[in-house]
Amino acid sequence: MTKDKAKDSSLENDTELKPALPELGTVPCPVCKRRVTVFVTKTKRPWINCGFCSARIFYNGSRAIRRLQRQLKGTNK
């Protein structure tokens, strides 16, 4: 094995895959009631994007965020 190939293989082993957006957990979609993942925006606001009914909901107010926290189920990390 040449030095270049050895470097490439060692870089592949060090690579760690991370999600593009941070996840908080799951909640039921307010529209269709299926479990969806809660993501966090760049401004640290939670939001959901339901793949079943196409609802996209942003939680901006403090009351909405507190309500979301009560419904939240953590991720398995």
Protein backbone atom coordinates (compact mmCIF):
# COMPACT_ATOMS: atom_id res chain seq x y z
CA MET A 1 0.00 0.00 0.00
CA THR A 2 1.38 3.41 -0.89
CA LYS A 3 1.55 6.32 1.53
CA ASP A 4 -1.31 8.17 -0.24
CA LYS A 5 -3.63 5.19 0.00
CA ALA A 6 -2.69 4.67 3.65
CA LYS A 7 -3.54 8.32 4.41
CA ASP A 8 -6.88 8.02 2.58
CA SER A 9 -7.85 4.88 4.48
CA SER A 10 -6.90 6.43 7.83
CA LEU A 11 -9.00 9.52 7.02
CA GLU A 12 -11.98 7.33 6.20
CA ASN A 13 -11.74 5.64 9.61
CA ASP A 14 -11.65 9.00 11.43
CA THR A 15 -14.74 10.38 9.67
CA GLU A 16 -17.73 10.80 11.95
CA LEU A 17 -21.16 11.33 10.42
CA LYS A 18 -23.31 13.98 12.07
CA PRO A 19 -26.82 15.19 11.22
CA ALA A 20 -27.06 18.41 9.24
CA LEU A 21 -29.41 19.91 11.83
CA PRO A 22 -29.42 19.29 15.60
CA GLU A 23 -32.32 17.14 16.79
CA LEU A 24 -34.18 17.52 20.09
CA GLY A 25 -36.43 14.46 19.93
CA THR A 26 -39.86 13.61 18.58
CA VAL A 27 -43.38 14.97 19.06
CA PRO A 28 -46.74 14.20 17.48
CA CYS A 29 -47.46 16.34 14.42
CA PRO A 30 -50.20 18.88 15.31
CA VAL A 31 -51.96 18.17 12.00
CA CYS A 32 -51.80 14.40 11.39
CA LYS A 33 -50.66 13.19 14.88
CA ARG A 34 -47.77 11.06 13.57
CA ARG A 35 -44.42 11.26 15.39
CA VAL A 36 -42.00 13.69 13.76
CA THR A 37 -38.48 14.88 14.62
CA VAL A 38 -37.96 18.31 16.18
CA PHE A 39 -35.02 20.19 14.67
CA VAL A 40 -33.31 23.39 15.83
CA THR A 41 -32.73 26.40 13.56
CA LYS A 42 -29.56 28.49 13.43
CA THR A 43 -31.28 30.94 15.80
CA LYS A 44 -31.92 28.11 18.32
CA ARG A 45 -35.67 27.89 17.66
CA PRO A 46 -37.36 24.46 17.41
CA TRP A 47 -39.30 23.45 14.30
CA ILE A 48 -40.83 20.35 12.72
CA ASN A 49 -41.23 19.25 9.13
CA CYS A 50 -43.79 16.44 8.79
CA GLY A 51 -43.06 14.10 5.90
CA PHE A 52 -46.56 12.63 6.02
CA CYS A 53 -48.82 15.71 5.77
CA SER A 54 -46.14 18.25 4.67
CA ALA A 55 -46.77 20.55 7.63
CA ARG A 56 -43.83 22.80 8.53
CA ILE A 57 -44.21 24.41 11.94
CA PHE A 58 -41.85 26.83 13.69
CA TYR A 59 -42.13 27.37 17.45
CA ASN A 60 -41.16 31.00 18.07
CA GLY A 61 -43.00 32.07 21.22
CA SER A 62 -41.92 31.13 24.73
CA ARG A 63 -45.32 29.57 25.52
CA ALA A 64 -45.19 27.47 22.36
CA ILE A 65 -41.67 26.30 23.18
CA ARG A 66 -42.69 25.34 26.75
CA ARG A 67 -45.67 23.40 25.39
CA LEU A 68 -43.41 21.64 22.90
CA GLN A 69 -40.95 20.69 25.69
CA ARG A 70 -43.76 18.97 27.61
CA GLN A 71 -44.59 16.80 24.57
CA LEU A 72 -40.99 16.06 23.61
CA LYS A 73 -39.59 12.54 23.71
CA GLY A 74 -35.78 12.45 23.67
CA THR A 75 -33.67 10.88 20.94
CA ASN A 76 -31.87 7.60 21.51
CA LYS A 77 -28.31 8.99 21.68
